[in-house]
Structures are given as C-alpha cells and as structure tokens.
Amino acid sequence: MVEIYKGWQCIGCGKIDVDRPCLGICQDRPVRVVVAEDYEALAERNRRLESIVRRLVWSTPRAGNWERSFKALQAEAVALTRDSEQATDTPGGNARG
C-alpha cells in the first residue's frame, strides 16, 4: 500500500514540506509527488476497469446471449471512459473522479 503523508504546500512556489522529526542526518532529495485526490480517483477508475475485465474473463454467457453480455460490458466501459475524459476536460486539467 502507498503511504500518504500529511504536509504543507506553498501556494506561491508549490514547495511541499512534511512535519517529521529530524534525526540530524537529513538530506533533501528530489521526489515525485502526486496529489492524493488524483491518485485516489485513478485508483477508483482502475478498480472499476478491473471489475469490467474480470466479468469479461470469468463470465460465460448463455447460448445465444454473448452479444447482449458483451454490449452491456462495452456500454459500462464506454461510460467510464467518457466520465474520465470529462473529468480531465475540467479547468485545471486534473482528473477528479
């Protein structure tokens, strides 16, 4: 699991600081940071996509019903894709759900 730290971000320059006790041997190194809300939205999208894939892999439609089953899963995937595209089209460009 990913560890999430609570900290502070400067609204001017964007610097992020996390309050943790210093051991006296600290060294600043560059890190890659993701906004937790963006990460959580992407994780939820991945869970929903995985659900579609699992149902596609593990379900066996009744004889003559494969097309209806496929189209139902396809419609769910299309809706999820549209939701994601609309979220990234919002001002600021961040996916939020």
C-alpha atoms as a PDB file:
ATOM      1  CA  MET A   1       0.000   0.000   0.000  1.00  0.00           C
ATOM      2  CA  VAL A   2       1.127   3.533  -0.695  1.00  0.00           C
ATOM      3  CA  GLU A   3       1.916   5.617   2.366  1.00  0.00           C
ATOM      4  CA  ILE A   4       0.253   9.037   2.396  1.00  0.00           C
ATOM      5  CA  TYR A   5       1.889  11.843   4.357  1.00  0.00           C
ATOM      6  CA  LYS A   6       0.144  14.957   5.595  1.00  0.00           C
ATOM      7  CA  GLY A   7       2.092  18.139   4.960  1.00  0.00           C
ATOM      8  CA  TRP A   8       2.065  21.690   3.739  1.00  0.00           C
ATOM      9  CA  GLN A   9       2.283  23.085   0.198  1.00  0.00           C
ATOM     10  CA  CYS A  10       3.237  26.669  -0.615  1.00  0.00           C
ATOM     11  CA  ILE A  11       0.550  28.380  -2.722  1.00  0.00           C
ATOM     12  CA  GLY A  12       3.262  30.508  -4.325  1.00  0.00           C
ATOM     13  CA  CYS A  13       6.085  28.207  -5.378  1.00  0.00           C
ATOM     14  CA  GLY A  14       4.495  24.797  -4.718  1.00  0.00           C
ATOM     15  CA  LYS A  15       7.152  23.591  -2.251  1.00  0.00           C
ATOM     16  CA  ILE A  16       5.904  20.701  -0.139  1.00  0.00           C
ATOM     17  CA  ASP A  17       7.005  20.206   3.454  1.00  0.00           C
ATOM     18  CA  VAL A  18       6.152  17.362   5.797  1.00  0.00           C
ATOM     19  CA  ASP A  19       6.495  17.747   9.555  1.00  0.00           C
ATOM     20  CA  ARG A  20       8.609  14.850  10.762  1.00  0.00           C
ATOM     21  CA  PRO A  21      11.243  14.701  13.480  1.00  0.00           C
ATOM     22  CA  CYS A  22      14.758  15.291  12.135  1.00  0.00           C
ATOM     23  CA  LEU A  23      17.354  12.689  13.044  1.00  0.00           C
ATOM     24  CA  GLY A  24      20.184  15.099  12.290  1.00  0.00           C
ATOM     25  CA  ILE A  25      21.252  13.183   9.189  1.00  0.00           C
ATOM     26  CA  CYS A  26      18.639  14.531   6.771  1.00  0.00           C
ATOM     27  CA  GLN A  27      19.415  15.154   3.105  1.00  0.00           C
ATOM     28  CA  ASP A  28      16.975  16.769   0.680  1.00  0.00           C
ATOM     29  CA  ARG A  29      16.479  14.737  -2.486  1.00  0.00           C
ATOM     30  CA  PRO A  30      14.073  15.247  -5.363  1.00  0.00           C
ATOM     31  CA  VAL A  31      10.938  13.124  -5.194  1.00  0.00           C
ATOM     32  CA  ARG A  32       7.881  12.692  -7.375  1.00  0.00           C
ATOM     33  CA  VAL A  33       4.686  13.686  -5.587  1.00  0.00           C
ATOM     34  CA  VAL A  34       1.053  13.106  -6.569  1.00  0.00           C
ATOM     35  CA  VAL A  35      -1.985  14.923  -5.221  1.00  0.00           C
ATOM     36  CA  ALA A  36      -3.824  12.322  -3.103  1.00  0.00           C
ATOM     37  CA  GLU A  37      -7.218  13.127  -4.665  1.00  0.00           C
ATOM     38  CA  ASP A  38      -5.814  12.498  -8.163  1.00  0.00           C
ATOM     39  CA  TYR A  39      -4.251   9.213  -7.038  1.00  0.00           C
ATOM     40  CA  GLU A  40      -7.457   8.069  -5.343  1.00  0.00           C
ATOM     41  CA  ALA A  41      -9.573   8.963  -8.404  1.00  0.00           C
ATOM     42  CA  LEU A  42      -7.234   6.985 -10.645  1.00  0.00           C
ATOM     43  CA  ALA A  43      -7.214   4.046  -8.221  1.00  0.00           C
ATOM     44  CA  GLU A  44     -11.041   4.014  -8.219  1.00  0.00           C
ATOM     45  CA  ARG A  45     -11.109   4.147 -12.033  1.00  0.00           C
ATOM     46  CA  ASN A  46      -8.687   1.216 -12.138  1.00  0.00           C
ATOM     47  CA  ARG A  47     -10.894  -0.782  -9.724  1.00  0.00           C
ATOM     48  CA  ARG A  48     -13.909  -0.170 -11.968  1.00  0.00           C
ATOM     49  CA  LEU A  49     -11.977  -1.136 -15.104  1.00  0.00           C
ATOM     50  CA  GLU A  50     -10.682  -4.268 -13.388  1.00  0.00           C
ATOM     51  CA  SER A  51     -14.253  -5.188 -12.480  1.00  0.00           C
ATOM     52  CA  ILE A  52     -15.237  -4.991 -16.152  1.00  0.00           C
ATOM     53  CA  VAL A  53     -12.249  -7.093 -17.208  1.00  0.00           C
ATOM     54  CA  ARG A  54     -12.891  -9.735 -14.507  1.00  0.00           C
ATOM     55  CA  ARG A  55     -16.511 -10.098 -15.606  1.00  0.00           C
ATOM     56  CA  LEU A  56     -15.407 -10.358 -19.221  1.00  0.00           C
ATOM     57  CA  VAL A  57     -12.862 -13.054 -18.352  1.00  0.00           C
ATOM     58  CA  TRP A  58     -14.868 -15.118 -15.858  1.00  0.00           C
ATOM     59  CA  SER A  59     -18.422 -14.977 -17.189  1.00  0.00           C
ATOM     60  CA  THR A  60     -19.869 -17.354 -19.731  1.00  0.00           C
ATOM     61  CA  PRO A  61     -22.985 -16.023 -21.432  1.00  0.00           C
ATOM     62  CA  ARG A  62     -25.841 -18.395 -22.078  1.00  0.00           C
ATOM     63  CA  ALA A  63     -26.107 -19.750 -25.586  1.00  0.00           C
ATOM     64  CA  GLY A  64     -27.178 -17.005 -27.977  1.00  0.00           C
ATOM     65  CA  ASN A  65     -26.650 -14.215 -25.404  1.00  0.00           C
ATOM     66  CA  TRP A  66     -22.943 -13.462 -25.824  1.00  0.00           C
ATOM     67  CA  GLU A  67     -23.654 -10.324 -27.864  1.00  0.00           C
ATOM     68  CA  ARG A  68     -26.013  -8.881 -25.240  1.00  0.00           C
ATOM     69  CA  SER A  69     -23.457  -9.588 -22.475  1.00  0.00           C
ATOM     70  CA  PHE A  70     -20.620  -8.099 -24.499  1.00  0.00           C
ATOM     71  CA  LYS A  71     -22.623  -4.970 -25.328  1.00  0.00           C
ATOM     72  CA  ALA A  72     -23.552  -4.460 -21.663  1.00  0.00           C
ATOM     73  CA  LEU A  73     -19.875  -4.611 -20.630  1.00  0.00           C
ATOM     74  CA  GLN A  74     -18.945  -2.390 -23.556  1.00  0.00           C
ATOM     75  CA  ALA A  75     -21.536   0.212 -22.550  1.00  0.00           C
ATOM     76  CA  GLU A  76     -20.184   0.227 -18.987  1.00  0.00           C
ATOM     77  CA  ALA A  77     -16.615   0.695 -20.292  1.00  0.00           C
ATOM     78  CA  VAL A  78     -17.705   3.495 -22.643  1.00  0.00           C
ATOM     79  CA  ALA A  79     -19.474   5.314 -19.790  1.00  0.00           C
ATOM     80  CA  LEU A  80     -16.380   5.000 -17.592  1.00  0.00           C
ATOM     81  CA  THR A  81     -14.183   6.305 -20.403  1.00  0.00           C
ATOM     82  CA  ARG A  82     -16.491   9.276 -21.015  1.00  0.00           C
ATOM     83  CA  ASP A  83     -16.545  10.090 -17.281  1.00  0.00           C
ATOM     84  CA  SER A  84     -12.740  10.089 -17.256  1.00  0.00           C
ATOM     85  CA  GLU A  85     -12.491  12.266 -20.368  1.00  0.00           C
ATOM     86  CA  GLN A  86     -14.955  14.795 -18.944  1.00  0.00           C
ATOM     87  CA  ALA A  87     -13.043  14.925 -15.658  1.00  0.00           C
ATOM     88  CA  THR A  88      -9.791  15.792 -17.464  1.00  0.00           C
ATOM     89  CA  ASP A  89     -11.560  18.440 -19.576  1.00  0.00           C
ATOM     90  CA  THR A  90     -12.373  20.482 -16.466  1.00  0.00           C
ATOM     91  CA  PRO A  91     -10.452  23.737 -15.813  1.00  0.00           C
ATOM     92  CA  GLY A  92      -7.090  22.864 -14.314  1.00  0.00           C
ATOM     93  CA  GLY A  93      -6.971  19.552 -16.184  1.00  0.00           C
ATOM     94  CA  ASN A  94      -6.853  17.281 -13.155  1.00  0.00           C
ATOM     95  CA  ALA A  95      -8.940  14.112 -13.107  1.00  0.00           C
ATOM     96  CA  ARG A  96     -11.175  14.289 -10.063  1.00  0.00           C
ATOM     97  CA  GLY A  97     -13.420  11.287 -10.322  1.00  0.00           C
END
